Amino acid sequence: MQTVNATEAKNSLAQMLTKAQQEPICISQNGQAMAVIMSMDEYQSTQTLRQQILHQRLDKALAEAKAGRTHNGLDVHEEMKKKHLNPHFQNPNKGSQKASLTRGLPI
C-alpha cells in the first residue's frame, strides 16, 4: 500500500482518487498513518464481510443462549477486568488510581 502525507494528498486529491481505484492509499500526518483512501467497491466489499462476520457471531450467540449456555453479565465483566487491567487509568470521577478495561478488545 502506498503511503502519502496529508499535504501531498490534499494537493493531488484527484490523482489519489484515481490511484485508489487500483489499491488503497494510506494518508499519514506527522509520520503517523491517519486514514485510508480506497475504491467504493473495496469499501463495500469490506463492509459486506464485516456484516457477514457480525451475523455469524450473532447466530452463534443466539444458539448458545437457546441451548442454555449463558453467563451472568456482571461475572463476565469482572472476569474481563481481571484479565485486561490497565493500571495507568485514572478515574476522573473518583480522583484516585483505578484499573479499567484496556481498549481494543476483540469483539
N, C-alpha and C. Protein backbone atom coordinates (compact mmCIF):
# COMPACT_ATOMS: atom_id res chain seq x y z
N MET A 1 0.85 -1.18 0.00
CA MET A 1 0.00 0.00 0.00
C MET A 1 0.89 1.23 0.00
N GLN A 2 0.59 2.13 -0.88
CA GLN A 2 1.33 3.39 -0.97
C GLN A 2 0.93 4.30 0.18
N THR A 3 1.89 5.03 0.73
CA THR A 3 1.62 6.00 1.79
C THR A 3 2.02 7.38 1.30
N VAL A 4 1.13 8.35 1.51
CA VAL A 4 1.44 9.74 1.17
C VAL A 4 1.11 10.61 2.38
N ASN A 5 1.80 11.72 2.50
CA ASN A 5 1.48 12.60 3.63
C ASN A 5 0.23 13.42 3.30
N ALA A 6 -0.37 13.98 4.33
CA ALA A 6 -1.65 14.68 4.18
C ALA A 6 -1.56 15.87 3.23
N THR A 7 -0.46 16.58 3.27
CA THR A 7 -0.31 17.74 2.38
C THR A 7 -0.28 17.30 0.93
N GLU A 8 0.48 16.25 0.64
CA GLU A 8 0.55 15.74 -0.72
C GLU A 8 -0.83 15.24 -1.18
N ALA A 9 -1.53 14.55 -0.30
CA ALA A 9 -2.87 14.06 -0.64
C ALA A 9 -3.82 15.21 -0.93
N LYS A 10 -3.76 16.25 -0.12
CA LYS A 10 -4.62 17.42 -0.31
C LYS A 10 -4.33 18.09 -1.65
N ASN A 11 -3.05 18.21 -1.97
CA ASN A 11 -2.67 18.90 -3.21
C ASN A 11 -2.92 18.08 -4.46
N SER A 12 -3.11 16.78 -4.32
CA SER A 12 -3.33 15.94 -5.50
C SER A 12 -4.47 14.96 -5.28
N LEU A 13 -5.57 15.48 -4.75
CA LEU A 13 -6.71 14.62 -4.41
C LEU A 13 -7.24 13.87 -5.64
N ALA A 14 -7.39 14.53 -6.75
CA ALA A 14 -7.92 13.86 -7.95
C ALA A 14 -7.04 12.68 -8.35
N GLN A 15 -5.74 12.86 -8.29
CA GLN A 15 -4.80 11.78 -8.61
C GLN A 15 -4.90 10.66 -7.58
N MET A 16 -5.06 11.01 -6.31
CA MET A 16 -5.21 10.00 -5.25
C MET A 16 -6.46 9.16 -5.47
N LEU A 17 -7.55 9.81 -5.87
CA LEU A 17 -8.80 9.09 -6.11
C LEU A 17 -8.65 8.10 -7.26
N THR A 18 -7.91 8.50 -8.29
CA THR A 18 -7.66 7.61 -9.42
C THR A 18 -6.81 6.42 -8.98
N LYS A 19 -5.74 6.68 -8.24
CA LYS A 19 -4.86 5.61 -7.76
C LYS A 19 -5.60 4.66 -6.81
N ALA A 20 -6.52 5.21 -6.04
CA ALA A 20 -7.26 4.40 -5.06
C ALA A 20 -8.15 3.37 -5.74
N GLN A 21 -8.43 3.53 -7.02
CA GLN A 21 -9.22 2.53 -7.73
C GLN A 21 -8.42 1.26 -7.94
N GLN A 22 -7.09 1.36 -7.88
CA GLN A 22 -6.22 0.20 -8.07
C GLN A 22 -5.84 -0.45 -6.75
N GLU A 23 -5.55 0.36 -5.75
CA GLU A 23 -5.18 -0.14 -4.42
C GLU A 23 -5.42 0.95 -3.39
N PRO A 24 -5.65 0.57 -2.13
CA PRO A 24 -5.83 1.57 -1.08
C PRO A 24 -4.57 2.42 -0.91
N ILE A 25 -4.77 3.66 -0.48
CA ILE A 25 -3.66 4.58 -0.24
C ILE A 25 -3.75 5.05 1.22
N CYS A 26 -2.65 4.93 1.92
CA CYS A 26 -2.57 5.37 3.31
C CYS A 26 -2.20 6.84 3.34
N ILE A 27 -2.91 7.62 4.15
CA ILE A 27 -2.62 9.04 4.32
C ILE A 27 -2.00 9.20 5.71
N SER A 28 -0.81 9.80 5.75
CA SER A 28 -0.14 9.99 7.03
C SER A 28 -0.07 11.47 7.39
N GLN A 29 0.05 11.72 8.68
CA GLN A 29 0.22 13.08 9.17
C GLN A 29 1.25 13.02 10.29
N ASN A 30 2.27 13.82 10.17
CA ASN A 30 3.38 13.80 11.14
C ASN A 30 3.96 12.40 11.29
N GLY A 31 4.03 11.68 10.18
CA GLY A 31 4.63 10.35 10.18
C GLY A 31 3.75 9.24 10.71
N GLN A 32 2.51 9.54 11.07
CA GLN A 32 1.60 8.54 11.61
C GLN A 32 0.45 8.29 10.64
N ALA A 33 0.16 7.02 10.38
CA ALA A 33 -0.97 6.67 9.50
C ALA A 33 -2.26 7.17 10.13
N MET A 34 -3.05 7.91 9.35
CA MET A 34 -4.27 8.52 9.87
C MET A 34 -5.54 8.05 9.17
N ALA A 35 -5.44 7.71 7.88
CA ALA A 35 -6.63 7.35 7.12
C ALA A 35 -6.22 6.54 5.90
N VAL A 36 -7.23 5.96 5.27
CA VAL A 36 -7.01 5.20 4.04
C VAL A 36 -8.05 5.64 3.02
N ILE A 37 -7.59 5.88 1.80
CA ILE A 37 -8.50 6.14 0.68
C ILE A 37 -8.56 4.84 -0.11
N MET A 38 -9.78 4.38 -0.38
CA MET A 38 -9.94 3.15 -1.16
C MET A 38 -11.13 3.30 -2.09
N SER A 39 -11.19 2.42 -3.08
CA SER A 39 -12.30 2.47 -4.03
C SER A 39 -13.61 2.14 -3.32
N MET A 40 -14.70 2.60 -3.89
CA MET A 40 -16.01 2.31 -3.32
C MET A 40 -16.28 0.80 -3.35
N ASP A 41 -15.85 0.12 -4.41
CA ASP A 41 -16.04 -1.33 -4.49
C ASP A 41 -15.34 -2.04 -3.35
N GLU A 42 -14.09 -1.64 -3.07
CA GLU A 42 -13.35 -2.27 -1.99
C GLU A 42 -13.99 -1.96 -0.64
N TYR A 43 -14.43 -0.74 -0.45
CA TYR A 43 -15.11 -0.36 0.79
C TYR A 43 -16.38 -1.19 0.99
N GLN A 44 -17.18 -1.31 -0.06
CA GLN A 44 -18.42 -2.08 0.05
C GLN A 44 -18.14 -3.55 0.33
N SER A 45 -17.10 -4.10 -0.28
CA SER A 45 -16.71 -5.48 -0.01
C SER A 45 -16.31 -5.66 1.44
N THR A 46 -15.56 -4.70 1.97
CA THR A 46 -15.14 -4.75 3.36
C THR A 46 -16.34 -4.68 4.30
N GLN A 47 -17.27 -3.80 3.98
CA GLN A 47 -18.47 -3.66 4.81
C GLN A 47 -19.32 -4.94 4.76
N THR A 48 -19.43 -5.53 3.59
CA THR A 48 -20.20 -6.77 3.45
C THR A 48 -19.57 -7.87 4.28
N LEU A 49 -18.26 -7.99 4.23
CA LEU A 49 -17.55 -9.00 5.03
C LEU A 49 -17.75 -8.76 6.52
N ARG A 50 -17.67 -7.52 6.95
CA ARG A 50 -17.89 -7.21 8.36
C ARG A 50 -19.31 -7.60 8.79
N GLN A 51 -20.28 -7.33 7.94
CA GLN A 51 -21.67 -7.69 8.25
C GLN A 51 -21.82 -9.21 8.36
N GLN A 52 -21.19 -9.95 7.45
CA GLN A 52 -21.26 -11.40 7.49
C GLN A 52 -20.68 -11.94 8.79
N ILE A 53 -19.53 -11.41 9.19
CA ILE A 53 -18.90 -11.85 10.43
C ILE A 53 -19.79 -11.52 11.62
N LEU A 54 -20.36 -10.33 11.64
CA LEU A 54 -21.25 -9.92 12.72
C LEU A 54 -22.46 -10.86 12.81
N HIS A 55 -23.05 -11.18 11.67
CA HIS A 55 -24.22 -12.07 11.66
C HIS A 55 -23.83 -13.47 12.13
N GLN A 56 -22.66 -13.97 11.74
CA GLN A 56 -22.20 -15.28 12.21
C GLN A 56 -22.04 -15.29 13.73
N ARG A 57 -21.44 -14.24 14.27
CA ARG A 57 -21.26 -14.15 15.72
C ARG A 57 -22.59 -14.06 16.44
N LEU A 58 -23.52 -13.31 15.88
CA LEU A 58 -24.84 -13.18 16.48
C LEU A 58 -25.58 -14.51 16.45
N ASP A 59 -25.53 -15.21 15.32
CA ASP A 59 -26.17 -16.52 15.21
C ASP A 59 -25.60 -17.50 16.23
N LYS A 60 -24.28 -17.47 16.40
CA LYS A 60 -23.63 -18.35 17.37
C LYS A 60 -24.08 -18.01 18.79
N ALA A 61 -24.12 -16.72 19.11
CA ALA A 61 -24.54 -16.29 20.44
C ALA A 61 -25.99 -16.68 20.72
N LEU A 62 -26.85 -16.53 19.72
CA LEU A 62 -28.26 -16.90 19.91
C LEU A 62 -28.40 -18.41 20.11
N ALA A 63 -27.63 -19.19 19.38
CA ALA A 63 -27.67 -20.65 19.54
C ALA A 63 -27.19 -21.03 20.94
N GLU A 64 -26.14 -20.38 21.42
CA GLU A 64 -25.64 -20.64 22.77
C GLU A 64 -26.71 -20.30 23.81
N ALA A 65 -27.39 -19.18 23.63
CA ALA A 65 -28.43 -18.78 24.57
C ALA A 65 -29.60 -19.76 24.56
N LYS A 66 -30.01 -20.20 23.37
CA LYS A 66 -31.11 -21.16 23.27
C LYS A 66 -30.76 -22.49 23.92
N ALA A 67 -29.46 -22.83 23.88
CA ALA A 67 -29.00 -24.09 24.49
C ALA A 67 -28.78 -23.93 25.99
N GLY A 68 -29.04 -22.74 26.51
CA GLY A 68 -28.89 -22.51 27.94
C GLY A 68 -27.48 -22.22 28.39
N ARG A 69 -26.58 -22.02 27.45
CA ARG A 69 -25.19 -21.72 27.79
C ARG A 69 -25.02 -20.21 27.87
N THR A 70 -25.46 -19.64 28.98
CA THR A 70 -25.37 -18.20 29.18
C THR A 70 -24.51 -17.90 30.41
N HIS A 71 -24.14 -16.64 30.54
CA HIS A 71 -23.32 -16.20 31.65
C HIS A 71 -23.90 -14.92 32.22
N ASN A 72 -23.74 -14.73 33.52
CA ASN A 72 -24.15 -13.51 34.16
C ASN A 72 -23.25 -12.37 33.68
N GLY A 73 -23.83 -11.30 33.20
CA GLY A 73 -23.06 -10.18 32.65
C GLY A 73 -22.09 -9.57 33.65
N LEU A 74 -22.49 -9.45 34.91
CA LEU A 74 -21.60 -8.89 35.92
C LEU A 74 -20.40 -9.79 36.16
N ASP A 75 -20.62 -11.10 36.15
CA ASP A 75 -19.50 -12.04 36.31
C ASP A 75 -18.53 -11.93 35.14
N VAL A 76 -19.05 -11.84 33.93
CA VAL A 76 -18.21 -11.71 32.75
C VAL A 76 -17.41 -10.42 32.82
N HIS A 77 -18.06 -9.34 33.22
CA HIS A 77 -17.38 -8.05 33.33
C HIS A 77 -16.23 -8.13 34.33
N GLU A 78 -16.46 -8.72 35.48
CA GLU A 78 -15.41 -8.86 36.49
C GLU A 78 -14.26 -9.72 35.97
N GLU A 79 -14.57 -10.79 35.26
CA GLU A 79 -13.53 -11.66 34.71
C GLU A 79 -12.70 -10.91 33.67
N MET A 80 -13.36 -10.10 32.84
CA MET A 80 -12.64 -9.32 31.84
C MET A 80 -11.73 -8.30 32.51
N LYS A 81 -12.19 -7.68 33.58
CA LYS A 81 -11.36 -6.72 34.30
C LYS A 81 -10.11 -7.39 34.84
N LYS A 82 -10.25 -8.59 35.36
CA LYS A 82 -9.10 -9.31 35.91
C LYS A 82 -8.08 -9.63 34.83
N LYS A 83 -8.55 -9.97 33.64
CA LYS A 83 -7.67 -10.36 32.55
C LYS A 83 -7.06 -9.18 31.82
N HIS A 84 -7.75 -8.05 31.79
CA HIS A 84 -7.35 -6.93 30.94
C HIS A 84 -7.24 -5.62 31.71
N LEU A 85 -6.56 -5.63 32.83
CA LEU A 85 -6.44 -4.40 33.63
C LEU A 85 -5.41 -3.45 33.04
N ASN A 86 -5.72 -2.18 33.12
CA ASN A 86 -4.79 -1.13 32.73
C ASN A 86 -4.52 -0.31 33.99
N PRO A 87 -3.40 -0.56 34.68
CA PRO A 87 -3.15 0.11 35.96
C PRO A 87 -2.87 1.60 35.83
N HIS A 88 -2.72 2.12 34.63
CA HIS A 88 -2.39 3.53 34.44
C HIS A 88 -3.62 4.41 34.26
N PHE A 89 -4.80 3.80 34.32
CA PHE A 89 -6.03 4.57 34.12
C PHE A 89 -6.37 5.37 35.37
N GLN A 90 -6.62 6.65 35.21
CA GLN A 90 -7.04 7.50 36.31
C GLN A 90 -8.53 7.75 36.15
N ASN A 91 -9.31 7.35 37.13
CA ASN A 91 -10.76 7.56 37.08
C ASN A 91 -11.04 9.01 37.48
N PRO A 92 -11.51 9.84 36.54
CA PRO A 92 -11.73 11.26 36.86
C PRO A 92 -12.84 11.47 37.89
N ASN A 93 -13.78 10.52 38.02
CA ASN A 93 -14.88 10.67 38.97
C ASN A 93 -14.46 10.37 40.40
N LYS A 94 -13.47 9.54 40.58
CA LYS A 94 -13.05 9.14 41.92
C LYS A 94 -11.82 9.89 42.40
N GLY A 95 -11.02 10.42 41.48
CA GLY A 95 -9.84 11.14 41.86
C GLY A 95 -8.73 10.25 42.39
N SER A 96 -8.85 8.95 42.19
CA SER A 96 -7.82 8.03 42.66
C SER A 96 -7.46 7.07 41.55
N GLN A 97 -6.39 6.35 41.76
CA GLN A 97 -5.91 5.39 40.75
C GLN A 97 -6.87 4.20 40.70
N LYS A 98 -7.48 3.94 39.57
CA LYS A 98 -8.39 2.82 39.38
C LYS A 98 -7.98 2.05 38.15
N ALA A 99 -8.25 0.75 38.13
CA ALA A 99 -7.96 -0.07 36.96
C ALA A 99 -9.19 -0.06 36.05
N SER A 100 -8.96 -0.20 34.76
CA SER A 100 -10.06 -0.26 33.81
C SER A 100 -9.73 -1.26 32.73
N LEU A 101 -10.73 -1.60 31.94
CA LEU A 101 -10.51 -2.47 30.79
C LEU A 101 -9.67 -1.73 29.77
N THR A 102 -8.76 -2.44 29.12
CA THR A 102 -7.98 -1.81 28.06
C THR A 102 -8.84 -1.65 26.83
N ARG A 103 -8.46 -0.71 25.99
CA ARG A 103 -9.17 -0.52 24.72
C ARG A 103 -8.68 -1.53 23.72
N GLY A 104 -9.47 -1.74 22.68
CA GLY A 104 -9.05 -2.59 21.58
C GLY A 104 -9.30 -4.06 21.82
N LEU A 105 -10.18 -4.40 22.78
CA LEU A 105 -10.51 -5.80 22.97
C LEU A 105 -11.26 -6.31 21.75
N PRO A 106 -11.03 -7.55 21.35
CA PRO A 106 -11.76 -8.07 20.19
C PRO A 106 -13.24 -8.16 20.47
N ILE A 107 -14.01 -7.96 19.43
CA ILE A 107 -15.47 -8.02 19.56
C ILE A 107 -15.91 -9.46 19.57
